[in-house]
Amino acid sequence: MSTPRQQAEKRGRKAETLAALLLRLKGYRILEHRFRGKRGEIDIIARRRNVTAFIEVKARKTAEDALYSISKKQRRRIEATAEDWMKKTGFQEGISSGSLRFDIITVAAGGVPSHITDAWRIGE
């Protein structure tokens, strides 16, 4: 029998798989999945045309619950980890460039994913 933590991890991985599928259907190329930097983890890093998106995936009972579960502290951690990724990969376009974006994909009960593009800006 699995613990609540193991069950949550399993739900999270399933949500990330659904999110990656949604992104591919929308024409994104997945660059990284579960990127671990010095300061944290980013669920998905994807690119479409000239936009690179750092995507946080949240699975909750409702999409609203998922959105509210992302704190300011977590957004700062994701931003810092995006900087780690850019340093590691030699990504040339800076964080102030319009070609970078922070997105959220919510997965509500029943497995329905929803993609919120440009969910926040640096420092918001």
Protein backbone atom coordinates (compact mmCIF):
# COMPACT_ATOMS: atom_id res chain seq x y z
CA MET A 1 0.00 0.00 0.00
CA SER A 2 1.36 3.41 -0.87
CA THR A 3 1.63 6.43 1.37
CA PRO A 4 -0.22 9.71 0.68
CA ARG A 5 3.12 11.22 -0.43
CA GLN A 6 3.66 8.40 -2.95
CA GLN A 7 0.12 8.81 -4.25
CA ALA A 8 0.66 12.56 -4.68
CA GLU A 9 3.93 11.89 -6.52
CA LYS A 10 2.14 9.47 -8.84
CA ARG A 11 -0.63 12.03 -9.55
CA GLY A 12 2.02 14.66 -10.22
CA ARG A 13 3.89 12.50 -12.71
CA LYS A 14 0.64 11.66 -14.51
CA ALA A 15 -0.24 15.38 -14.67
CA GLU A 16 3.21 16.16 -16.12
CA THR A 17 2.73 13.47 -18.77
CA LEU A 18 -0.66 14.95 -19.73
CA ALA A 19 0.87 18.44 -19.77
CA ALA A 20 3.70 17.35 -22.07
CA LEU A 21 1.20 15.70 -24.41
CA LEU A 22 -0.92 18.88 -24.50
CA LEU A 23 2.16 20.96 -25.27
CA ARG A 24 3.24 18.65 -28.11
CA LEU A 25 -0.25 18.83 -29.60
CA LYS A 26 0.02 22.63 -29.48
CA GLY A 27 3.30 22.52 -31.41
CA TYR A 28 5.81 22.84 -28.57
CA ARG A 29 9.09 20.95 -28.48
CA ILE A 30 9.96 19.67 -25.00
CA LEU A 31 13.52 20.75 -24.16
CA GLU A 32 13.67 19.46 -20.59
CA HIS A 33 11.44 17.47 -18.29
CA ARG A 34 11.95 17.82 -14.52
CA PHE A 35 15.05 19.98 -14.85
CA ARG A 36 16.93 20.15 -11.55
CA GLY A 37 19.09 23.19 -10.99
CA LYS A 38 21.01 24.36 -7.94
CA ARG A 39 17.98 26.25 -6.66
CA GLY A 40 15.05 24.00 -7.53
CA GLU A 41 13.17 22.12 -10.22
CA ILE A 42 11.15 23.12 -13.26
CA ASP A 43 8.56 20.61 -14.41
CA ILE A 44 8.79 21.29 -18.16
CA ILE A 45 10.87 23.58 -20.35
CA ALA A 46 9.44 23.82 -23.86
CA ARG A 47 9.89 25.91 -26.99
CA ARG A 48 7.54 26.94 -29.77
CA ARG A 49 8.69 29.28 -32.50
CA ASN A 50 10.88 31.86 -30.76
CA VAL A 51 9.38 31.47 -27.26
CA THR A 52 10.90 29.37 -24.49
CA ALA A 53 8.42 28.56 -21.72
CA PHE A 54 9.23 27.45 -18.18
CA ILE A 55 6.15 25.52 -17.11
CA GLU A 56 4.91 24.57 -13.66
CA VAL A 57 2.39 21.72 -13.62
CA LYS A 58 -0.12 21.49 -10.78
CA ALA A 59 -2.71 18.75 -10.23
CA ARG A 60 -5.53 19.54 -7.82
CA LYS A 61 -9.26 18.91 -7.47
CA THR A 62 -10.02 22.11 -9.39
CA ALA A 63 -8.05 24.38 -11.71
CA GLU A 64 -8.58 27.22 -9.23
CA ASP A 65 -7.02 25.18 -6.41
CA ALA A 66 -4.05 24.45 -8.67
CA LEU A 67 -3.55 28.12 -9.51
CA TYR A 68 -3.73 29.23 -5.89
CA SER A 69 -1.23 26.57 -4.84
CA ILE A 70 1.65 28.41 -6.55
CA SER A 71 3.08 30.84 -4.02
CA LYS A 72 5.23 33.89 -4.60
CA LYS A 73 8.14 32.00 -3.04
CA GLN A 74 7.65 29.15 -5.51
CA ARG A 75 7.55 31.57 -8.45
CA ARG A 76 10.89 33.09 -7.29
CA ARG A 77 12.37 29.59 -7.04
CA ILE A 78 11.22 28.76 -10.59
CA GLU A 79 12.68 32.04 -11.88
CA ALA A 80 16.01 31.28 -10.19
CA THR A 81 16.00 27.75 -11.59
CA ALA A 82 15.30 29.16 -15.06
CA GLU A 83 18.49 31.22 -14.65
CA ASP A 84 20.34 28.01 -13.69
CA TRP A 85 19.06 26.33 -16.85
CA MET A 86 20.10 29.26 -19.04
CA LYS A 87 23.62 29.22 -17.56
CA LYS A 88 23.91 25.45 -17.93
CA THR A 89 22.73 25.39 -21.54
CA GLY A 90 24.38 28.63 -22.65
CA PHE A 91 21.00 30.06 -23.59
CA GLN A 92 21.78 33.44 -25.15
CA GLU A 93 18.50 35.29 -24.77
CA GLY A 94 18.39 37.02 -21.39
CA ILE A 95 15.66 36.88 -18.81
CA SER A 96 14.47 40.35 -19.87
CA SER A 97 13.86 39.10 -23.41
CA GLY A 98 10.29 38.79 -24.60
CA SER A 99 11.12 35.30 -25.79
CA LEU A 100 10.98 33.84 -22.26
CA ARG A 101 7.76 33.05 -20.49
CA PHE A 102 6.48 31.44 -17.29
CA ASP A 103 3.41 29.26 -17.81
CA ILE A 104 1.22 27.07 -15.63
CA ILE A 105 -0.59 23.93 -16.66
CA THR A 106 -3.32 22.90 -14.27
CA VAL A 107 -4.74 19.40 -14.26
CA ALA A 108 -8.09 19.19 -12.51
CA ALA A 109 -9.73 16.01 -11.21
CA GLY A 110 -10.67 13.89 -14.16
CA GLY A 111 -7.39 14.67 -15.92
CA VAL A 112 -8.43 17.82 -17.77
CA PRO A 113 -5.32 19.97 -18.46
CA SER A 114 -5.51 23.73 -18.96
CA HIS A 115 -2.58 25.83 -20.21
CA ILE A 116 -2.20 29.36 -18.82
CA THR A 117 0.40 31.15 -20.92
CA ASP A 118 2.46 34.02 -19.50
CA ALA A 119 1.05 33.27 -16.03
CA TRP A 120 3.44 35.69 -14.33
CA ARG A 121 6.33 38.03 -15.04
CA ILE A 122 9.70 38.20 -13.34
CA GLY A 123 9.33 39.65 -9.87
CA GLU A 124 5.51 39.65 -9.78
